[in-house]
Amino acid sequence: MSLKITSTAFQPGGSIPSKHTCEDRDLSPPLAWSGAPPGTKTFALIVDDPDAPGGTFFHWVAYNIPASKTSLPAGVPQGSEIPGGAINGMNSFGHLGYNGPCPPPGKTHHYRFHLYALDSALEVGDKADGATIQSAIKGHVLAEAELVGTFQR
């Protein structure tokens, strides 16, 4: 079985509802995953927008999610700690936790929800950003999964 990530808020390739964007409540969408390989110690989640005008833009960085977890509920609170033992990193808005899609008006943007099953916890301290996590997971990824949603203003 391979690692898989899903959301009840949107279908793969589908539009992300406005309540999960800057146009509304800006709540993180509910996420669930399955198929973690043996040896998984933690998960890392990176949500990014490769279509951003200035290059890849990080909307959410979460790490050291315990291997026992198989989901994150909608509306994960901002701040350094995620209930249940995980850590929110710094997004490209300069905030801890999730900030949803907020592209400039015009073209459709793609939001990639990358989930990584890791063989260890990450020792990156508080407020790690997307680039820091991408560097720290090198050599520790046992499996990865991706869910893509879209949004246009």
C-alpha atoms as a PDB file:
ATOM      1  CA  MET A   1       0.000   0.000   0.000  1.00  0.00           C
ATOM      2  CA  SER A   2       1.328   3.449  -0.833  1.00  0.00           C
ATOM      3  CA  LEU A   3       0.967   6.698   1.085  1.00  0.00           C
ATOM      4  CA  LYS A   4      -2.150   8.639   0.098  1.00  0.00           C
ATOM      5  CA  ILE A   5      -3.504  12.036   1.231  1.00  0.00           C
ATOM      6  CA  THR A   6      -7.116  13.190   0.776  1.00  0.00           C
ATOM      7  CA  SER A   7      -9.482  15.921   1.885  1.00  0.00           C
ATOM      8  CA  THR A   8     -13.240  15.925   2.298  1.00  0.00           C
ATOM      9  CA  ALA A   9     -13.191  19.641   1.373  1.00  0.00           C
ATOM     10  CA  PHE A  10     -12.144  19.182  -2.267  1.00  0.00           C
ATOM     11  CA  GLN A  11     -11.417  16.489  -4.814  1.00  0.00           C
ATOM     12  CA  PRO A  12      -7.935  15.966  -6.327  1.00  0.00           C
ATOM     13  CA  GLY A  13      -7.493  18.711  -8.916  1.00  0.00           C
ATOM     14  CA  GLY A  14     -10.701  20.375  -7.750  1.00  0.00           C
ATOM     15  CA  SER A  15     -11.410  23.858  -6.513  1.00  0.00           C
ATOM     16  CA  ILE A  16     -10.611  24.668  -2.877  1.00  0.00           C
ATOM     17  CA  PRO A  17     -13.744  26.099  -1.193  1.00  0.00           C
ATOM     18  CA  SER A  18     -13.584  29.785  -0.278  1.00  0.00           C
ATOM     19  CA  LYS A  19     -13.816  29.077   3.479  1.00  0.00           C
ATOM     20  CA  HIS A  20     -10.279  27.679   3.196  1.00  0.00           C
ATOM     21  CA  THR A  21      -8.989  30.861   1.475  1.00  0.00           C
ATOM     22  CA  CYS A  22      -8.304  34.520   2.280  1.00  0.00           C
ATOM     23  CA  GLU A  23     -11.685  35.401   0.795  1.00  0.00           C
ATOM     24  CA  ASP A  24     -13.500  33.859   3.751  1.00  0.00           C
ATOM     25  CA  ARG A  25     -12.532  32.215   7.071  1.00  0.00           C
ATOM     26  CA  ASP A  26      -9.082  31.040   5.909  1.00  0.00           C
ATOM     27  CA  LEU A  27      -9.423  27.706   7.739  1.00  0.00           C
ATOM     28  CA  SER A  28      -7.071  24.860   6.962  1.00  0.00           C
ATOM     29  CA  PRO A  29      -8.955  22.085   5.150  1.00  0.00           C
ATOM     30  CA  PRO A  30      -9.430  18.702   6.789  1.00  0.00           C
ATOM     31  CA  LEU A  31      -6.771  16.226   5.667  1.00  0.00           C
ATOM     32  CA  ALA A  32      -6.535  12.455   6.072  1.00  0.00           C
ATOM     33  CA  TRP A  33      -3.861   9.993   5.036  1.00  0.00           C
ATOM     34  CA  SER A  34      -3.224   6.271   4.924  1.00  0.00           C
ATOM     35  CA  GLY A  35      -0.584   3.837   3.791  1.00  0.00           C
ATOM     36  CA  ALA A  36       2.368   5.003   5.882  1.00  0.00           C
ATOM     37  CA  PRO A  37       5.241   2.559   5.469  1.00  0.00           C
ATOM     38  CA  PRO A  38       6.756   0.619   8.369  1.00  0.00           C
ATOM     39  CA  GLY A  39       9.402   2.644  10.153  1.00  0.00           C
ATOM     40  CA  THR A  40       7.515   5.940   9.890  1.00  0.00           C
ATOM     41  CA  LYS A  41       8.331   8.053  12.953  1.00  0.00           C
ATOM     42  CA  THR A  42       6.802  11.394  11.930  1.00  0.00           C
ATOM     43  CA  PHE A  43       5.122  13.188   9.040  1.00  0.00           C
ATOM     44  CA  ALA A  44       5.848  16.564   7.507  1.00  0.00           C
ATOM     45  CA  LEU A  45       3.305  18.574   5.523  1.00  0.00           C
ATOM     46  CA  ILE A  46       4.200  21.332   3.084  1.00  0.00           C
ATOM     47  CA  VAL A  47       1.483  23.241   1.240  1.00  0.00           C
ATOM     48  CA  ASP A  48       2.760  25.447  -1.544  1.00  0.00           C
ATOM     49  CA  ASP A  49       1.727  27.399  -4.624  1.00  0.00           C
ATOM     50  CA  PRO A  50       4.168  26.949  -7.516  1.00  0.00           C
ATOM     51  CA  ASP A  51       2.197  29.478  -9.606  1.00  0.00           C
ATOM     52  CA  ALA A  52       2.871  32.448  -7.298  1.00  0.00           C
ATOM     53  CA  PRO A  53       4.281  35.502  -9.114  1.00  0.00           C
ATOM     54  CA  GLY A  54       7.513  35.526  -7.069  1.00  0.00           C
ATOM     55  CA  GLY A  55       8.116  31.770  -7.270  1.00  0.00           C
ATOM     56  CA  THR A  56       6.970  28.954  -4.972  1.00  0.00           C
ATOM     57  CA  PHE A  57       5.000  30.364  -2.036  1.00  0.00           C
ATOM     58  CA  PHE A  58       4.522  28.328   1.155  1.00  0.00           C
ATOM     59  CA  HIS A  59       1.016  28.399   2.655  1.00  0.00           C
ATOM     60  CA  TRP A  60       1.530  25.869   5.441  1.00  0.00           C
ATOM     61  CA  VAL A  61       4.457  24.037   6.945  1.00  0.00           C
ATOM     62  CA  ALA A  62       3.778  21.439   9.648  1.00  0.00           C
ATOM     63  CA  TYR A  63       6.289  18.935  10.959  1.00  0.00           C
ATOM     64  CA  ASN A  64       6.972  16.314  13.616  1.00  0.00           C
ATOM     65  CA  ILE A  65       3.391  15.112  13.179  1.00  0.00           C
ATOM     66  CA  PRO A  66       3.380  11.864  15.188  1.00  0.00           C
ATOM     67  CA  ALA A  67       3.293   8.643  13.161  1.00  0.00           C
ATOM     68  CA  SER A  68       0.166   7.633  15.086  1.00  0.00           C
ATOM     69  CA  LYS A  69      -1.789  10.478  13.450  1.00  0.00           C
ATOM     70  CA  THR A  70      -3.757   9.807  10.281  1.00  0.00           C
ATOM     71  CA  SER A  71      -5.473  13.156   9.904  1.00  0.00           C
ATOM     72  CA  LEU A  72      -5.608  16.848  10.696  1.00  0.00           C
ATOM     73  CA  PRO A  73      -9.006  18.452  11.287  1.00  0.00           C
ATOM     74  CA  ALA A  74     -10.288  21.574   9.556  1.00  0.00           C
ATOM     75  CA  GLY A  75      -9.237  24.794  11.218  1.00  0.00           C
ATOM     76  CA  VAL A  76      -5.924  23.760  12.783  1.00  0.00           C
ATOM     77  CA  PRO A  77      -5.055  26.728  15.017  1.00  0.00           C
ATOM     78  CA  GLN A  78      -2.256  29.059  14.054  1.00  0.00           C
ATOM     79  CA  GLY A  79       0.619  29.241  16.496  1.00  0.00           C
ATOM     80  CA  SER A  80       3.637  27.069  17.065  1.00  0.00           C
ATOM     81  CA  GLU A  81       1.949  23.946  18.457  1.00  0.00           C
ATOM     82  CA  ILE A  82      -0.648  21.802  16.735  1.00  0.00           C
ATOM     83  CA  PRO A  83      -2.856  19.894  19.201  1.00  0.00           C
ATOM     84  CA  GLY A  84      -1.591  16.321  19.390  1.00  0.00           C
ATOM     85  CA  GLY A  85       2.126  17.073  19.357  1.00  0.00           C
ATOM     86  CA  ALA A  86       2.993  18.485  15.931  1.00  0.00           C
ATOM     87  CA  ILE A  87       4.591  21.853  15.139  1.00  0.00           C
ATOM     88  CA  ASN A  88       3.466  24.605  12.763  1.00  0.00           C
ATOM     89  CA  GLY A  89       6.275  26.201  10.816  1.00  0.00           C
ATOM     90  CA  MET A  90       6.503  29.636   9.249  1.00  0.00           C
ATOM     91  CA  ASN A  91       4.615  30.223   6.012  1.00  0.00           C
ATOM     92  CA  SER A  92       5.561  32.748   3.329  1.00  0.00           C
ATOM     93  CA  PHE A  93       3.100  35.270   4.791  1.00  0.00           C
ATOM     94  CA  GLY A  94       5.359  35.351   7.862  1.00  0.00           C
ATOM     95  CA  HIS A  95       2.817  33.558  10.082  1.00  0.00           C
ATOM     96  CA  LEU A  96       2.948  30.273  11.970  1.00  0.00           C
ATOM     97  CA  GLY A  97       0.471  27.761  10.602  1.00  0.00           C
ATOM     98  CA  TYR A  98      -1.957  27.830   7.712  1.00  0.00           C
ATOM     99  CA  ASN A  99      -2.868  30.750   5.515  1.00  0.00           C
ATOM    100  CA  GLY A 100      -4.882  29.655   2.520  1.00  0.00           C
ATOM    101  CA  PRO A 101      -4.944  30.538  -1.133  1.00  0.00           C
ATOM    102  CA  CYS A 102      -4.877  34.278  -1.819  1.00  0.00           C
ATOM    103  CA  PRO A 103      -3.575  34.690  -5.371  1.00  0.00           C
ATOM    104  CA  PRO A 104      -3.716  37.914  -7.323  1.00  0.00           C
ATOM    105  CA  PRO A 105      -6.824  38.122  -9.536  1.00  0.00           C
ATOM    106  CA  GLY A 106      -6.448  36.357 -12.851  1.00  0.00           C
ATOM    107  CA  LYS A 107      -5.189  32.878 -13.521  1.00  0.00           C
ATOM    108  CA  THR A 108      -5.924  29.678 -11.629  1.00  0.00           C
ATOM    109  CA  HIS A 109      -3.277  28.682  -9.089  1.00  0.00           C
ATOM    110  CA  HIS A 110      -2.455  25.124  -8.005  1.00  0.00           C
ATOM    111  CA  TYR A 111      -1.972  24.343  -4.314  1.00  0.00           C
ATOM    112  CA  ARG A 112       0.102  21.260  -3.575  1.00  0.00           C
ATOM    113  CA  PHE A 113      -0.442  19.486  -0.267  1.00  0.00           C
ATOM    114  CA  HIS A 114       2.746  17.390   0.072  1.00  0.00           C
ATOM    115  CA  LEU A 115       2.806  14.797   2.851  1.00  0.00           C
ATOM    116  CA  TYR A 116       6.081  13.093   3.724  1.00  0.00           C
ATOM    117  CA  ALA A 117       6.478   9.976   5.903  1.00  0.00           C
ATOM    118  CA  LEU A 118       9.826  10.331   7.669  1.00  0.00           C
ATOM    119  CA  ASP A 119      12.110   7.909   9.491  1.00  0.00           C
ATOM    120  CA  SER A 120      12.858  10.433  12.252  1.00  0.00           C
ATOM    121  CA  ALA A 121      11.720  13.618  13.955  1.00  0.00           C
ATOM    122  CA  LEU A 122      13.129  16.847  12.548  1.00  0.00           C
ATOM    123  CA  GLU A 123      15.525  18.830  14.721  1.00  0.00           C
ATOM    124  CA  VAL A 124      14.908  22.244  13.210  1.00  0.00           C
ATOM    125  CA  GLY A 125      13.670  24.241  16.199  1.00  0.00           C
ATOM    126  CA  ASP A 126      10.632  26.496  16.171  1.00  0.00           C
ATOM    127  CA  LYS A 127       9.547  28.658  13.258  1.00  0.00           C
ATOM    128  CA  ALA A 128      11.168  26.559  10.527  1.00  0.00           C
ATOM    129  CA  ASP A 129      10.074  27.633   7.053  1.00  0.00           C
ATOM    130  CA  GLY A 130       9.365  25.581   3.944  1.00  0.00           C
ATOM    131  CA  ALA A 131      12.918  25.696   2.603  1.00  0.00           C
ATOM    132  CA  THR A 132      14.294  24.594   5.988  1.00  0.00           C
ATOM    133  CA  ILE A 133      11.910  21.630   6.126  1.00  0.00           C
ATOM    134  CA  GLN A 134      12.621  20.663   2.508  1.00  0.00           C
ATOM    135  CA  SER A 135      16.326  20.579   3.352  1.00  0.00           C
ATOM    136  CA  ALA A 136      15.858  18.758   6.677  1.00  0.00           C
ATOM    137  CA  ILE A 137      13.800  15.898   5.206  1.00  0.00           C
ATOM    138  CA  LYS A 138      16.469  14.955   2.651  1.00  0.00           C
ATOM    139  CA  GLY A 139      17.571  11.403   3.326  1.00  0.00           C
ATOM    140  CA  HIS A 140      14.652  10.774   5.718  1.00  0.00           C
ATOM    141  CA  VAL A 141      11.671  10.379   3.353  1.00  0.00           C
ATOM    142  CA  LEU A 142      10.210   6.872   3.398  1.00  0.00           C
ATOM    143  CA  ALA A 143       7.191   7.792   1.253  1.00  0.00           C
ATOM    144  CA  GLU A 144       5.423  10.853  -0.041  1.00  0.00           C
ATOM    145  CA  ALA A 145       1.976  11.738  -1.299  1.00  0.00           C
ATOM    146  CA  GLU A 146       0.469  14.809  -2.932  1.00  0.00           C
ATOM    147  CA  LEU A 147      -3.002  16.299  -3.186  1.00  0.00           C
ATOM    148  CA  VAL A 148      -3.512  19.271  -5.509  1.00  0.00           C
ATOM    149  CA  GLY A 149      -6.350  21.783  -5.259  1.00  0.00           C
ATOM    150  CA  THR A 150      -6.971  24.888  -7.329  1.00  0.00           C
ATOM    151  CA  PHE A 151      -8.189  28.407  -6.623  1.00  0.00           C
ATOM    152  CA  GLN A 152      -8.744  31.528  -8.691  1.00  0.00           C
ATOM    153  CA  ARG A 153      -9.845  35.031  -7.729  1.00  0.00           C
END
